[in-house]
Amino acid sequence: MIIENEAYRNKYHLFESREEAGNQLVCFLEKEIIDIMLAIPNGGIPISEPLYYHYQPKEFNLLLIRKVHVPWTQEAGMGAVTPDGNVFFNQELINSYSIGEKNVERKVSDAMIAIEERKHYYELSDYNVSDKIALIIDDGIASGFSMIAGATWLKEMGAEKIIIAVPTAPLDSLKRIESLADKIICLNVRTKYPFAVADAYKDWYDVSSNEVKKILDKIRNKD
């Protein structure tokens, strides 16, 4: 089930910032009992902060899904890797650009190393989602392969219910993900291409690891 704000369909520059987008998601979402809230770093962390204080989940952590980048740019991905090393490929893209097996393997290895580095840097503990209601948060969905990887991994780990909340995404990607989640909330659904997550925001920047760490420390020390 996909829930959208129809007034935002195909609109641009709706959100002043990620924090404001998170606050709008708070206002748009029904009250849910959330066992575990999982933010996809780095962009999903500022989105998640207002949601965390609203829902007060029993547990908060990061969903360390890492994009497998194409060899020539960090802006495009040919798949995604889960925390346990499962890889989900965009085979159509790999074939269309004739990306060789060695290049693919190298980029997968880079992604797995990055996951381990982030886990150490953010001092993350392992978590159990079995029989739990999980809310996944990100600052937007583009191709959807990172979210597909994350939702599939949580299903395999035994999550009872999966809810996805994002400010913006293309309709095609949402439909690709729909069967993996019990509910998807996306404020700004777009059907026009080219699509960029950044186009939903007035103030867009790359979220630094330092900012992520500060928000994590704030949440961890809330008591």
N, C-alpha and C. Protein backbone atom coordinates (compact mmCIF):
# COMPACT_ATOMS: atom_id res chain seq x y z
N MET A 1 0.84 -1.19 0.00
CA MET A 1 0.00 0.00 0.00
C MET A 1 0.88 1.25 0.00
N ILE A 2 0.63 2.12 -0.97
CA ILE A 2 1.37 3.38 -1.08
C ILE A 2 0.45 4.52 -0.66
N ILE A 3 0.91 5.31 0.31
CA ILE A 3 0.14 6.46 0.78
C ILE A 3 0.93 7.72 0.43
N GLU A 4 0.29 8.64 -0.26
CA GLU A 4 0.97 9.87 -0.67
C GLU A 4 0.15 11.10 -0.29
N ASN A 5 0.79 12.25 -0.33
CA ASN A 5 0.10 13.53 -0.22
C ASN A 5 -0.20 13.97 -1.65
N GLU A 6 -1.44 13.80 -2.07
CA GLU A 6 -1.79 14.06 -3.47
C GLU A 6 -1.52 15.51 -3.88
N ALA A 7 -1.56 16.42 -2.92
CA ALA A 7 -1.29 17.83 -3.23
C ALA A 7 0.17 18.05 -3.62
N TYR A 8 1.03 17.09 -3.28
CA TYR A 8 2.46 17.20 -3.58
C TYR A 8 2.87 16.44 -4.85
N ARG A 9 1.92 15.81 -5.53
CA ARG A 9 2.26 15.00 -6.71
C ARG A 9 2.95 15.87 -7.77
N ASN A 10 4.12 15.39 -8.20
CA ASN A 10 4.90 16.04 -9.27
C ASN A 10 5.32 17.48 -8.97
N LYS A 11 5.43 17.81 -7.67
CA LYS A 11 5.89 19.14 -7.28
C LYS A 11 7.39 19.09 -6.95
N TYR A 12 8.02 20.27 -6.96
CA TYR A 12 9.46 20.37 -6.71
C TYR A 12 9.73 21.37 -5.58
N HIS A 13 10.87 21.18 -4.91
CA HIS A 13 11.35 22.11 -3.88
C HIS A 13 10.28 22.38 -2.82
N LEU A 14 9.75 21.30 -2.28
CA LEU A 14 8.68 21.38 -1.29
C LEU A 14 9.19 21.56 0.13
N PHE A 15 10.36 21.02 0.41
CA PHE A 15 10.86 20.97 1.78
C PHE A 15 12.04 21.91 1.96
N GLU A 16 11.97 22.73 3.01
CA GLU A 16 13.09 23.63 3.30
C GLU A 16 14.36 22.85 3.59
N SER A 17 14.21 21.72 4.28
CA SER A 17 15.36 20.93 4.72
C SER A 17 14.90 19.50 4.98
N ARG A 18 15.85 18.62 5.26
CA ARG A 18 15.51 17.26 5.65
C ARG A 18 14.71 17.25 6.95
N GLU A 19 15.10 18.11 7.90
CA GLU A 19 14.40 18.16 9.18
C GLU A 19 12.94 18.54 8.99
N GLU A 20 12.68 19.51 8.11
CA GLU A 20 11.30 19.90 7.86
C GLU A 20 10.53 18.76 7.21
N ALA A 21 11.18 18.05 6.30
CA ALA A 21 10.53 16.90 5.67
C ALA A 21 10.17 15.85 6.71
N GLY A 22 11.07 15.64 7.69
CA GLY A 22 10.77 14.71 8.77
C GLY A 22 9.57 15.15 9.57
N ASN A 23 9.47 16.45 9.86
CA ASN A 23 8.32 16.97 10.59
C ASN A 23 7.03 16.81 9.81
N GLN A 24 7.11 16.97 8.49
CA GLN A 24 5.91 16.77 7.68
C GLN A 24 5.49 15.30 7.67
N LEU A 25 6.46 14.40 7.68
CA LEU A 25 6.12 12.98 7.77
C LEU A 25 5.43 12.67 9.10
N VAL A 26 5.90 13.30 10.18
CA VAL A 26 5.26 13.12 11.49
C VAL A 26 3.79 13.51 11.40
N CYS A 27 3.51 14.66 10.78
CA CYS A 27 2.13 15.14 10.68
C CYS A 27 1.27 14.26 9.78
N PHE A 28 1.91 13.62 8.79
CA PHE A 28 1.16 12.86 7.79
C PHE A 28 0.91 11.43 8.21
N LEU A 29 1.79 10.89 9.02
CA LEU A 29 1.68 9.49 9.43
C LEU A 29 0.62 9.30 10.50
N GLU A 30 -0.06 8.16 10.43
CA GLU A 30 -0.93 7.76 11.53
C GLU A 30 -0.06 7.33 12.70
N LYS A 31 -0.64 7.37 13.89
CA LYS A 31 0.10 6.92 15.06
C LYS A 31 0.30 5.42 14.97
N GLU A 32 1.54 5.02 14.96
CA GLU A 32 1.89 3.60 14.87
C GLU A 32 2.70 3.21 16.10
N ILE A 33 2.58 1.98 16.49
CA ILE A 33 3.49 1.44 17.50
C ILE A 33 4.69 0.87 16.76
N ILE A 34 5.85 1.47 16.97
CA ILE A 34 7.06 1.06 16.27
C ILE A 34 8.01 0.39 17.25
N ASP A 35 8.38 -0.84 16.94
CA ASP A 35 9.34 -1.54 17.80
C ASP A 35 10.76 -1.07 17.53
N ILE A 36 11.10 -0.93 16.25
CA ILE A 36 12.46 -0.54 15.89
C ILE A 36 12.42 0.42 14.70
N MET A 37 13.10 1.54 14.85
CA MET A 37 13.20 2.54 13.79
C MET A 37 14.60 2.45 13.20
N LEU A 38 14.67 2.33 11.87
CA LEU A 38 15.94 2.14 11.18
C LEU A 38 16.11 3.23 10.12
N ALA A 39 17.11 4.07 10.31
CA ALA A 39 17.39 5.13 9.35
C ALA A 39 18.54 4.71 8.44
N ILE A 40 18.40 4.99 7.15
CA ILE A 40 19.46 4.69 6.19
C ILE A 40 20.40 5.90 6.13
N PRO A 41 21.69 5.72 6.47
CA PRO A 41 22.63 6.84 6.45
C PRO A 41 23.14 7.11 5.03
N ASN A 42 23.57 8.37 4.79
CA ASN A 42 23.60 9.42 5.80
C ASN A 42 22.34 10.28 5.77
N GLY A 43 21.73 10.42 4.60
CA GLY A 43 20.62 11.35 4.43
C GLY A 43 19.39 11.05 5.25
N GLY A 44 19.19 9.80 5.62
CA GLY A 44 17.99 9.45 6.38
C GLY A 44 18.04 9.84 7.83
N ILE A 45 19.22 10.20 8.35
CA ILE A 45 19.35 10.47 9.78
C ILE A 45 18.66 11.77 10.19
N PRO A 46 18.89 12.91 9.51
CA PRO A 46 18.16 14.13 9.89
C PRO A 46 16.65 13.97 9.73
N ILE A 47 16.21 13.19 8.75
CA ILE A 47 14.78 12.92 8.58
C ILE A 47 14.23 12.19 9.80
N SER A 48 15.01 11.27 10.32
CA SER A 48 14.53 10.36 11.37
C SER A 48 14.40 11.02 12.73
N GLU A 49 15.14 12.11 12.97
CA GLU A 49 15.16 12.68 14.33
C GLU A 49 13.77 13.11 14.82
N PRO A 50 13.01 13.93 14.06
CA PRO A 50 11.67 14.28 14.55
C PRO A 50 10.74 13.07 14.64
N LEU A 51 10.91 12.11 13.75
CA LEU A 51 10.10 10.89 13.81
C LEU A 51 10.41 10.09 15.07
N TYR A 52 11.68 10.07 15.43
CA TYR A 52 12.08 9.33 16.64
C TYR A 52 11.40 9.92 17.87
N TYR A 53 11.44 11.23 18.01
CA TYR A 53 10.87 11.86 19.20
C TYR A 53 9.34 11.76 19.21
N HIS A 54 8.74 11.66 18.03
CA HIS A 54 7.28 11.50 17.96
C HIS A 54 6.85 10.08 18.33
N TYR A 55 7.51 9.10 17.75
CA TYR A 55 7.08 7.71 17.93
C TYR A 55 7.66 7.03 19.17
N GLN A 56 8.80 7.52 19.63
CA GLN A 56 9.44 6.91 20.79
C GLN A 56 9.56 5.38 20.63
N PRO A 57 10.20 4.93 19.57
CA PRO A 57 10.33 3.48 19.36
C PRO A 57 11.16 2.84 20.47
N LYS A 58 10.94 1.56 20.65
CA LYS A 58 11.69 0.84 21.68
C LYS A 58 13.18 0.80 21.34
N GLU A 59 13.49 0.86 20.05
CA GLU A 59 14.88 0.75 19.62
C GLU A 59 15.11 1.62 18.39
N PHE A 60 16.29 2.23 18.30
CA PHE A 60 16.68 3.01 17.14
C PHE A 60 18.05 2.55 16.68
N ASN A 61 18.21 2.40 15.36
CA ASN A 61 19.50 1.99 14.82
C ASN A 61 19.60 2.44 13.38
N LEU A 62 20.73 2.15 12.77
CA LEU A 62 20.93 2.47 11.36
C LEU A 62 20.81 1.22 10.52
N LEU A 63 20.22 1.38 9.35
CA LEU A 63 20.13 0.30 8.37
C LEU A 63 21.26 0.52 7.37
N LEU A 64 22.34 -0.21 7.56
CA LEU A 64 23.56 0.02 6.77
C LEU A 64 23.48 -0.69 5.42
N ILE A 65 22.70 -0.10 4.55
CA ILE A 65 22.64 -0.54 3.16
C ILE A 65 23.58 0.35 2.37
N ARG A 66 24.44 -0.25 1.58
CA ARG A 66 25.44 0.54 0.85
C ARG A 66 25.24 0.37 -0.65
N LYS A 67 25.17 1.49 -1.33
CA LYS A 67 25.05 1.47 -2.79
C LYS A 67 26.32 0.90 -3.41
N VAL A 68 26.16 0.04 -4.42
CA VAL A 68 27.28 -0.44 -5.22
C VAL A 68 27.41 0.53 -6.40
N HIS A 69 28.43 1.38 -6.35
CA HIS A 69 28.55 2.43 -7.36
C HIS A 69 29.05 1.88 -8.70
N VAL A 70 28.62 2.52 -9.75
CA VAL A 70 29.20 2.22 -11.06
C VAL A 70 30.65 2.72 -11.02
N PRO A 71 31.53 2.17 -11.87
CA PRO A 71 32.96 2.48 -11.75
C PRO A 71 33.33 3.94 -11.98
N TRP A 72 32.55 4.70 -12.73
CA TRP A 72 32.99 6.02 -13.15
C TRP A 72 32.37 7.18 -12.36
N THR A 73 31.45 6.91 -11.42
CA THR A 73 30.87 8.00 -10.63
C THR A 73 30.30 7.48 -9.32
N GLN A 74 30.31 8.35 -8.30
CA GLN A 74 29.71 8.03 -7.01
C GLN A 74 28.23 8.38 -6.98
N GLU A 75 27.73 8.97 -8.04
CA GLU A 75 26.34 9.44 -8.05
C GLU A 75 25.36 8.38 -8.53
N ALA A 76 25.84 7.34 -9.18
CA ALA A 76 24.93 6.32 -9.72
C ALA A 76 25.31 4.95 -9.17
N GLY A 77 24.31 4.12 -8.98
CA GLY A 77 24.56 2.79 -8.43
C GLY A 77 24.07 1.70 -9.36
N MET A 78 24.72 0.53 -9.25
CA MET A 78 24.29 -0.63 -10.04
C MET A 78 23.75 -1.73 -9.13
N GLY A 79 23.49 -1.37 -7.87
CA GLY A 79 22.95 -2.34 -6.92
C GLY A 79 23.17 -1.87 -5.50
N ALA A 80 22.93 -2.77 -4.55
CA ALA A 80 23.10 -2.43 -3.14
C ALA A 80 23.48 -3.67 -2.35
N VAL A 81 24.20 -3.44 -1.24
CA VAL A 81 24.68 -4.53 -0.38
C VAL A 81 24.02 -4.39 0.99
N THR A 82 23.59 -5.51 1.57
CA THR A 82 22.99 -5.52 2.91
C THR A 82 24.08 -5.73 3.96
N PRO A 83 23.75 -5.52 5.25
CA PRO A 83 24.77 -5.68 6.30
C PRO A 83 25.41 -7.06 6.36
N ASP A 84 24.69 -8.09 5.91
CA ASP A 84 25.27 -9.44 5.95
C ASP A 84 25.92 -9.85 4.63
N GLY A 85 26.05 -8.90 3.69
CA GLY A 85 26.78 -9.17 2.46
C GLY A 85 25.97 -9.63 1.28
N ASN A 86 24.64 -9.69 1.41
CA ASN A 86 23.82 -10.01 0.24
C ASN A 86 23.81 -8.83 -0.73
N VAL A 87 23.86 -9.14 -2.02
CA VAL A 87 23.95 -8.10 -3.03
C VAL A 87 22.72 -8.16 -3.93
N PHE A 88 22.13 -7.00 -4.19
CA PHE A 88 21.00 -6.88 -5.10
C PHE A 88 21.45 -6.02 -6.27
N PHE A 89 21.49 -6.62 -7.46
CA PHE A 89 22.02 -5.93 -8.63
C PHE A 89 20.92 -5.37 -9.52
N ASN A 90 21.21 -4.23 -10.14
CA ASN A 90 20.42 -3.71 -11.24
C ASN A 90 21.05 -4.28 -12.51
N GLN A 91 20.65 -5.49 -12.83
CA GLN A 91 21.29 -6.21 -13.93
C GLN A 91 21.08 -5.52 -15.27
N GLU A 92 19.94 -4.87 -15.41
CA GLU A 92 19.66 -4.16 -16.66
C GLU A 92 20.69 -3.05 -16.88
N LEU A 93 21.01 -2.32 -15.82
CA LEU A 93 22.01 -1.25 -15.93
C LEU A 93 23.39 -1.82 -16.20
N ILE A 94 23.75 -2.89 -15.49
CA ILE A 94 25.06 -3.52 -15.67
C ILE A 94 25.23 -3.98 -17.12
N ASN A 95 24.19 -4.58 -17.66
CA ASN A 95 24.24 -5.07 -19.05
C ASN A 95 24.30 -3.91 -20.05
N SER A 96 23.52 -2.87 -19.78
CA SER A 96 23.44 -1.77 -20.74
C SER A 96 24.77 -1.02 -20.85
N TYR A 97 25.54 -0.98 -19.74
CA TYR A 97 26.83 -0.30 -19.76
C TYR A 97 28.00 -1.27 -19.90
N SER A 98 27.69 -2.55 -20.09
CA SER A 98 28.71 -3.58 -20.27
C SER A 98 29.78 -3.52 -19.18
N ILE A 99 29.34 -3.45 -17.93
CA ILE A 99 30.27 -3.39 -16.80
C ILE A 99 30.80 -4.79 -16.53
N GLY A 100 32.10 -4.96 -16.59
CA GLY A 100 32.72 -6.27 -16.46
C GLY A 100 32.64 -6.84 -15.05
N GLU A 101 32.77 -8.16 -14.97
CA GLU A 101 32.63 -8.87 -13.70
C GLU A 101 33.65 -8.39 -12.66
N LYS A 102 34.89 -8.14 -13.09
CA LYS A 102 35.92 -7.70 -12.15
C LYS A 102 35.59 -6.33 -11.56
N ASN A 103 35.07 -5.43 -12.39
CA ASN A 103 34.67 -4.12 -11.91
C ASN A 103 33.52 -4.23 -10.92
N VAL A 104 32.57 -5.12 -11.21
CA VAL A 104 31.44 -5.33 -10.31
C VAL A 104 31.93 -5.86 -8.97
N GLU A 105 32.79 -6.87 -9.01
CA GLU A 105 33.32 -7.47 -7.78
C GLU A 105 34.09 -6.45 -6.94
N ARG A 106 34.86 -5.60 -7.61
CA ARG A 106 35.64 -4.58 -6.90
C ARG A 106 34.72 -3.58 -6.19
N LYS A 107 33.66 -3.18 -6.87
CA LYS A 107 32.74 -2.21 -6.28
C LYS A 107 31.91 -2.83 -5.15
N VAL A 108 31.59 -4.11 -5.27
CA VAL A 108 30.89 -4.80 -4.18
C VAL A 108 31.80 -4.86 -2.95
N SER A 109 33.07 -5.18 -3.17
CA SER A 109 34.04 -5.22 -2.08
C SER A 109 34.17 -3.85 -1.41
N ASP A 110 34.21 -2.78 -2.21
CA ASP A 110 34.27 -1.42 -1.66
C ASP A 110 33.06 -1.14 -0.77
N ALA A 111 31.88 -1.56 -1.23
CA ALA A 111 30.65 -1.32 -0.47
C ALA A 111 30.66 -2.06 0.86
N MET A 112 31.13 -3.30 0.86
CA MET A 112 31.17 -4.10 2.09
C MET A 112 32.17 -3.52 3.09
N ILE A 113 33.30 -3.04 2.59
CA ILE A 113 34.28 -2.39 3.46
C ILE A 113 33.68 -1.13 4.09
N ALA A 114 32.94 -0.37 3.28
CA ALA A 114 32.32 0.87 3.77
C ALA A 114 31.30 0.57 4.87
N ILE A 115 30.55 -0.52 4.74
CA ILE A 115 29.59 -0.91 5.77
C ILE A 115 30.30 -1.19 7.09
N GLU A 116 31.38 -1.94 7.03
CA GLU A 116 32.13 -2.27 8.25
C GLU A 116 32.74 -1.01 8.88
N GLU A 117 33.23 -0.10 8.04
CA GLU A 117 33.81 1.15 8.55
C GLU A 117 32.74 2.00 9.25
N ARG A 118 31.57 2.07 8.66
CA ARG A 118 30.48 2.85 9.28
C ARG A 118 30.02 2.21 10.58
N LYS A 119 29.92 0.90 10.59
CA LYS A 119 29.49 0.22 11.81
C LYS A 119 30.44 0.52 12.96
N HIS A 120 31.72 0.53 12.66
CA HIS A 120 32.73 0.83 13.69
C HIS A 120 32.69 2.31 14.08
N TYR A 121 32.63 3.19 13.11
CA TYR A 121 32.67 4.63 13.38
C TYR A 121 31.47 5.09 14.21
N TYR A 122 30.28 4.56 13.87
CA TYR A 122 29.07 4.97 14.59
C TYR A 122 28.81 4.13 15.84
N GLU A 123 29.71 3.19 16.11
CA GLU A 123 29.61 2.33 17.30
C GLU A 123 28.24 1.64 17.36
N LEU A 124 27.89 0.99 16.27
CA LEU A 124 26.58 0.36 16.16
C LEU A 124 26.60 -1.05 16.74
N SER A 125 25.53 -1.40 17.40
CA SER A 125 25.37 -2.76 17.91
C SER A 125 24.46 -3.53 16.96
N ASP A 126 24.55 -4.86 17.01
CA ASP A 126 23.66 -5.69 16.21
C ASP A 126 22.24 -5.56 16.77
N TYR A 127 21.25 -5.81 15.94
CA TYR A 127 19.87 -5.74 16.40
C TYR A 127 19.07 -6.90 15.82
N ASN A 128 17.97 -7.18 16.48
CA ASN A 128 17.10 -8.29 16.10
C ASN A 128 15.73 -7.73 15.71
N VAL A 129 15.27 -8.03 14.51
CA VAL A 129 13.97 -7.53 14.06
C VAL A 129 12.90 -8.62 14.05
N SER A 130 13.23 -9.81 14.49
CA SER A 130 12.29 -10.93 14.45
C SER A 130 11.02 -10.59 15.23
N ASP A 131 9.87 -10.74 14.56
CA ASP A 131 8.55 -10.49 15.16
C ASP A 131 8.37 -9.05 15.61
N LYS A 132 9.09 -8.13 14.98
CA LYS A 132 8.99 -6.71 15.35
C LYS A 132 8.42 -5.88 14.19
N ILE A 133 7.83 -4.75 14.57
CA ILE A 133 7.36 -3.77 13.59
C ILE A 133 8.49 -2.79 13.33
N ALA A 134 8.96 -2.75 12.09
CA ALA A 134 10.12 -1.94 11.73
C ALA A 134 9.71 -0.78 10.82
N LEU A 135 10.22 0.40 11.13
CA LEU A 135 10.02 1.58 10.30
C LEU A 135 11.35 1.96 9.67
N ILE A 136 11.42 1.96 8.33
CA ILE A 136 12.63 2.35 7.60
C ILE A 136 12.46 3.79 7.12
N ILE A 137 13.50 4.60 7.33
CA ILE A 137 13.43 6.01 6.96
C ILE A 137 14.63 6.37 6.10
N ASP A 138 14.36 7.13 5.03
CA ASP A 138 15.44 7.70 4.22
C ASP A 138 14.99 9.06 3.72
N ASP A 139 15.92 9.82 3.12
CA ASP A 139 15.54 11.15 2.64
C ASP A 139 14.93 11.12 1.25
N GLY A 140 14.83 9.95 0.68
CA GLY A 140 14.20 9.78 -0.62
C GLY A 140 14.61 8.47 -1.26
N ILE A 141 13.90 8.10 -2.29
CA ILE A 141 14.18 6.88 -3.05
C ILE A 141 14.40 7.29 -4.50
N ALA A 142 15.45 6.77 -5.12
CA ALA A 142 15.69 7.02 -6.54
C ALA A 142 15.36 5.74 -7.32
N SER A 143 16.36 4.92 -7.60
CA SER A 143 16.10 3.66 -8.31
C SER A 143 15.37 2.67 -7.42
N GLY A 144 15.60 2.76 -6.12
CA GLY A 144 14.92 1.88 -5.18
C GLY A 144 15.70 0.65 -4.77
N PHE A 145 16.89 0.44 -5.34
CA PHE A 145 17.60 -0.81 -5.05
C PHE A 145 18.11 -0.87 -3.61
N SER A 146 18.47 0.27 -3.03
CA SER A 146 18.88 0.27 -1.62
C SER A 146 17.70 -0.11 -0.72
N MET A 147 16.53 0.43 -1.02
CA MET A 147 15.36 0.11 -0.21
C MET A 147 14.91 -1.33 -0.44
N ILE A 148 15.01 -1.82 -1.67
CA ILE A 148 14.68 -3.22 -1.94
C ILE A 148 15.59 -4.13 -1.13
N ALA A 149 16.88 -3.81 -1.13
CA ALA A 149 17.84 -4.61 -0.37
C ALA A 149 17.52 -4.58 1.12
N GLY A 150 17.23 -3.38 1.64
CA GLY A 150 16.95 -3.25 3.06
C GLY A 150 15.68 -3.96 3.49
N ALA A 151 14.59 -3.77 2.74
CA ALA A 151 13.32 -4.39 3.09
C ALA A 151 13.39 -5.91 2.96
N THR A 152 14.06 -6.39 1.91
CA THR A 152 14.21 -7.84 1.73
C THR A 152 15.00 -8.45 2.87
N TRP A 153 16.07 -7.78 3.27
CA TRP A 153 16.90 -8.26 4.38
C TRP A 153 16.09 -8.34 5.67
N LEU A 154 15.29 -7.30 5.95
CA LEU A 154 14.47 -7.30 7.17
C LEU A 154 13.43 -8.41 7.14
N LYS A 155 12.85 -8.65 5.96
CA LYS A 155 11.90 -9.77 5.84
C LYS A 155 12.59 -11.09 6.14
N GLU A 156 13.77 -11.27 5.57
CA GLU A 156 14.51 -12.51 5.80
C GLU A 156 14.90 -12.67 7.27
N MET A 157 15.06 -11.53 7.97
CA MET A 157 15.40 -11.56 9.39
C MET A 157 14.17 -11.76 10.28
N GLY A 158 12.99 -11.84 9.66
CA GLY A 158 11.78 -12.18 10.41
C GLY A 158 10.95 -11.03 10.91
N ALA A 159 11.10 -9.83 10.32
CA ALA A 159 10.29 -8.69 10.74
C ALA A 159 8.80 -9.00 10.57
N GLU A 160 8.01 -8.65 11.57
CA GLU A 160 6.57 -8.90 11.52
C GLU A 160 5.88 -7.96 10.54
N LYS A 161 6.31 -6.70 10.53
CA LYS A 161 5.70 -5.68 9.69
C LYS A 161 6.77 -4.68 9.29
N ILE A 162 6.73 -4.24 8.03
CA ILE A 162 7.70 -3.26 7.54
C ILE A 162 6.96 -2.05 7.01
N ILE A 163 7.30 -0.89 7.55
CA ILE A 163 6.75 0.38 7.09
C ILE A 163 7.91 1.22 6.56
N ILE A 164 7.72 1.83 5.41
CA ILE A 164 8.74 2.69 4.81
C ILE A 164 8.21 4.12 4.78
N ALA A 165 9.02 5.08 5.23
CA ALA A 165 8.62 6.48 5.21
C ALA A 165 9.71 7.32 4.56
N VAL A 166 9.36 7.98 3.46
CA VAL A 166 10.31 8.84 2.74
C VAL A 166 9.58 10.10 2.26
N PRO A 167 10.28 11.21 2.14
CA PRO A 167 9.64 12.42 1.64
C PRO A 167 9.34 12.39 0.14
N THR A 168 10.19 11.71 -0.66
CA THR A 168 10.04 11.80 -2.10
C THR A 168 10.52 10.53 -2.79
N ALA A 169 9.90 10.21 -3.94
CA ALA A 169 10.29 9.03 -4.74
C ALA A 169 9.54 9.05 -6.06
N PRO A 170 10.10 8.39 -7.09
CA PRO A 170 9.36 8.20 -8.33
C PRO A 170 8.37 7.06 -8.18
N LEU A 171 7.24 7.18 -8.83
CA LEU A 171 6.18 6.18 -8.71
C LEU A 171 6.65 4.80 -9.15
N ASP A 172 7.43 4.72 -10.22
CA ASP A 172 7.91 3.43 -10.71
C ASP A 172 8.70 2.69 -9.64
N SER A 173 9.55 3.40 -8.92
CA SER A 173 10.35 2.76 -7.87
C SER A 173 9.48 2.32 -6.71
N LEU A 174 8.49 3.13 -6.36
CA LEU A 174 7.58 2.75 -5.27
C LEU A 174 6.82 1.47 -5.61
N LYS A 175 6.39 1.35 -6.85
CA LYS A 175 5.68 0.14 -7.27
C LYS A 175 6.61 -1.08 -7.23
N ARG A 176 7.88 -0.86 -7.53
CA ARG A 176 8.86 -1.94 -7.49
C ARG A 176 9.07 -2.44 -6.06
N ILE A 177 8.91 -1.55 -5.10
CA ILE A 177 9.16 -1.88 -3.69
C ILE A 177 7.89 -2.33 -2.97
N GLU A 178 6.74 -1.97 -3.51
CA GLU A 178 5.46 -2.09 -2.79
C GLU A 178 5.22 -3.46 -2.17
N SER A 179 5.56 -4.53 -2.88
CA SER A 179 5.28 -5.88 -2.38
C SER A 179 6.16 -6.27 -1.20
N LEU A 180 7.21 -5.50 -0.94
CA LEU A 180 8.14 -5.84 0.14
C LEU A 180 7.78 -5.17 1.46
N ALA A 181 6.83 -4.24 1.43
CA ALA A 181 6.47 -3.49 2.64
C ALA A 181 4.97 -3.59 2.88
N ASP A 182 4.58 -3.50 4.14
CA ASP A 182 3.16 -3.47 4.47
C ASP A 182 2.56 -2.11 4.18
N LYS A 183 3.38 -1.09 4.26
CA LYS A 183 2.90 0.27 4.01
C LYS A 183 4.09 1.13 3.58
N ILE A 184 3.87 1.98 2.56
CA ILE A 184 4.87 2.96 2.15
C ILE A 184 4.24 4.33 2.21
N ILE A 185 4.84 5.23 2.98
CA ILE A 185 4.39 6.61 3.04
C ILE A 185 5.39 7.46 2.30
N CYS A 186 4.94 8.13 1.25
CA CYS A 186 5.80 9.01 0.46
C CYS A 186 5.03 10.29 0.18
N LEU A 187 5.49 11.40 0.72
CA LEU A 187 4.76 12.66 0.59
C LEU A 187 4.72 13.16 -0.85
N ASN A 188 5.86 13.12 -1.52
CA ASN A 188 6.02 13.70 -2.85
C ASN A 188 6.31 12.61 -3.87
N VAL A 189 5.26 12.13 -4.54
CA VAL A 189 5.41 11.11 -5.58
C VAL A 189 5.53 11.82 -6.92
N ARG A 190 6.52 11.39 -7.71
CA ARG A 190 6.70 12.01 -9.02
C ARG A 190 6.69 10.97 -10.13
N THR A 191 6.16 11.37 -11.26
CA THR A 191 6.09 10.48 -12.43
C THR A 191 6.92 11.01 -13.59
N LYS A 192 7.52 12.17 -13.40
CA LYS A 192 8.29 12.80 -14.49
C LYS A 192 9.78 12.50 -14.34
N TYR A 193 10.44 12.33 -15.46
CA TYR A 193 11.88 12.04 -15.48
C TYR A 193 12.60 13.10 -16.29
N PRO A 194 13.87 13.39 -15.97
CA PRO A 194 14.72 12.69 -14.99
C PRO A 194 14.29 13.00 -13.56
N PHE A 195 14.62 12.08 -12.65
CA PHE A 195 14.26 12.22 -11.24
C PHE A 195 15.51 12.39 -10.40
N ALA A 196 15.46 13.32 -9.45
CA ALA A 196 16.53 13.48 -8.47
C ALA A 196 15.91 13.75 -7.11
N VAL A 197 16.35 13.02 -6.10
CA VAL A 197 15.85 13.22 -4.74
C VAL A 197 16.02 14.68 -4.33
N ALA A 198 17.16 15.28 -4.69
CA ALA A 198 17.48 16.65 -4.29
C ALA A 198 16.43 17.66 -4.75
N ASP A 199 15.71 17.36 -5.84
CA ASP A 199 14.74 18.31 -6.38
C ASP A 199 13.53 18.52 -5.48
N ALA A 200 13.37 17.69 -4.46
CA ALA A 200 12.26 17.88 -3.52
C ALA A 200 12.61 18.90 -2.44
N TYR A 201 13.89 19.27 -2.36
CA TYR A 201 14.37 20.11 -1.26
C TYR A 201 14.84 21.48 -1.74
N LYS A 202 14.63 22.49 -0.90
CA LYS A 202 15.18 23.82 -1.18
C LYS A 202 16.63 23.91 -0.71
N ASP A 203 16.91 23.30 0.43
CA ASP A 203 18.27 23.28 0.98
C ASP A 203 18.78 21.85 0.94
N TRP A 204 19.61 21.54 -0.04
CA TRP A 204 20.12 20.18 -0.21
C TRP A 204 21.63 20.18 -0.08
N TYR A 205 22.15 19.27 0.71
CA TYR A 205 23.59 19.13 0.89
C TYR A 205 23.88 17.69 1.26
N ASP A 206 25.13 17.29 1.12
CA ASP A 206 25.54 15.95 1.53
C ASP A 206 25.70 15.93 3.05
N VAL A 207 24.97 15.05 3.70
CA VAL A 207 25.03 14.94 5.16
C VAL A 207 26.36 14.30 5.54
N SER A 208 27.10 14.95 6.42
CA SER A 208 28.42 14.46 6.82
C SER A 208 28.30 13.37 7.88
N SER A 209 29.34 12.57 7.98
CA SER A 209 29.40 11.54 9.03
C SER A 209 29.39 12.18 10.41
N ASN A 210 29.97 13.37 10.52
CA ASN A 210 29.99 14.08 11.80
C ASN A 210 28.58 14.47 12.23
N GLU A 211 27.76 14.93 11.28
CA GLU A 211 26.36 15.28 11.60
C GLU A 211 25.59 14.04 12.03
N VAL A 212 25.80 12.93 11.33
CA VAL A 212 25.14 11.68 11.71
C VAL A 212 25.50 11.30 13.13
N LYS A 213 26.78 11.38 13.44
CA LYS A 213 27.25 10.99 14.78
C LYS A 213 26.65 11.88 15.86
N LYS A 214 26.53 13.17 15.59
CA LYS A 214 25.94 14.10 16.56
C LYS A 214 24.48 13.75 16.84
N ILE A 215 23.72 13.44 15.79
CA ILE A 215 22.31 13.08 15.98
C ILE A 215 22.19 11.76 16.73
N LEU A 216 23.04 10.80 16.37
CA LEU A 216 23.03 9.52 17.08
C LEU A 216 23.34 9.71 18.56
N ASP A 217 24.34 10.52 18.87
CA ASP A 217 24.71 10.76 20.27
C ASP A 217 23.56 11.44 21.02
N LYS A 218 22.87 12.35 20.36
CA LYS A 218 21.74 13.04 20.98
C LYS A 218 20.62 12.05 21.31
N ILE A 219 20.32 11.16 20.38
CA ILE A 219 19.28 10.16 20.61
C ILE A 219 19.69 9.18 21.71
N ARG A 220 20.93 8.76 21.66
CA ARG A 220 21.41 7.79 22.66
C ARG A 220 21.43 8.38 24.07
N ASN A 221 21.63 9.68 24.17
CA ASN A 221 21.74 10.32 25.48
C ASN A 221 20.47 11.06 25.87
N LYS A 222 19.35 10.71 25.26
CA LYS A 222 18.11 11.46 25.48
C LYS A 222 17.65 11.40 26.92
N ASP A 223 18.01 10.33 27.63
CA ASP A 223 17.58 10.22 29.01
C ASP A 223 18.50 11.00 29.95
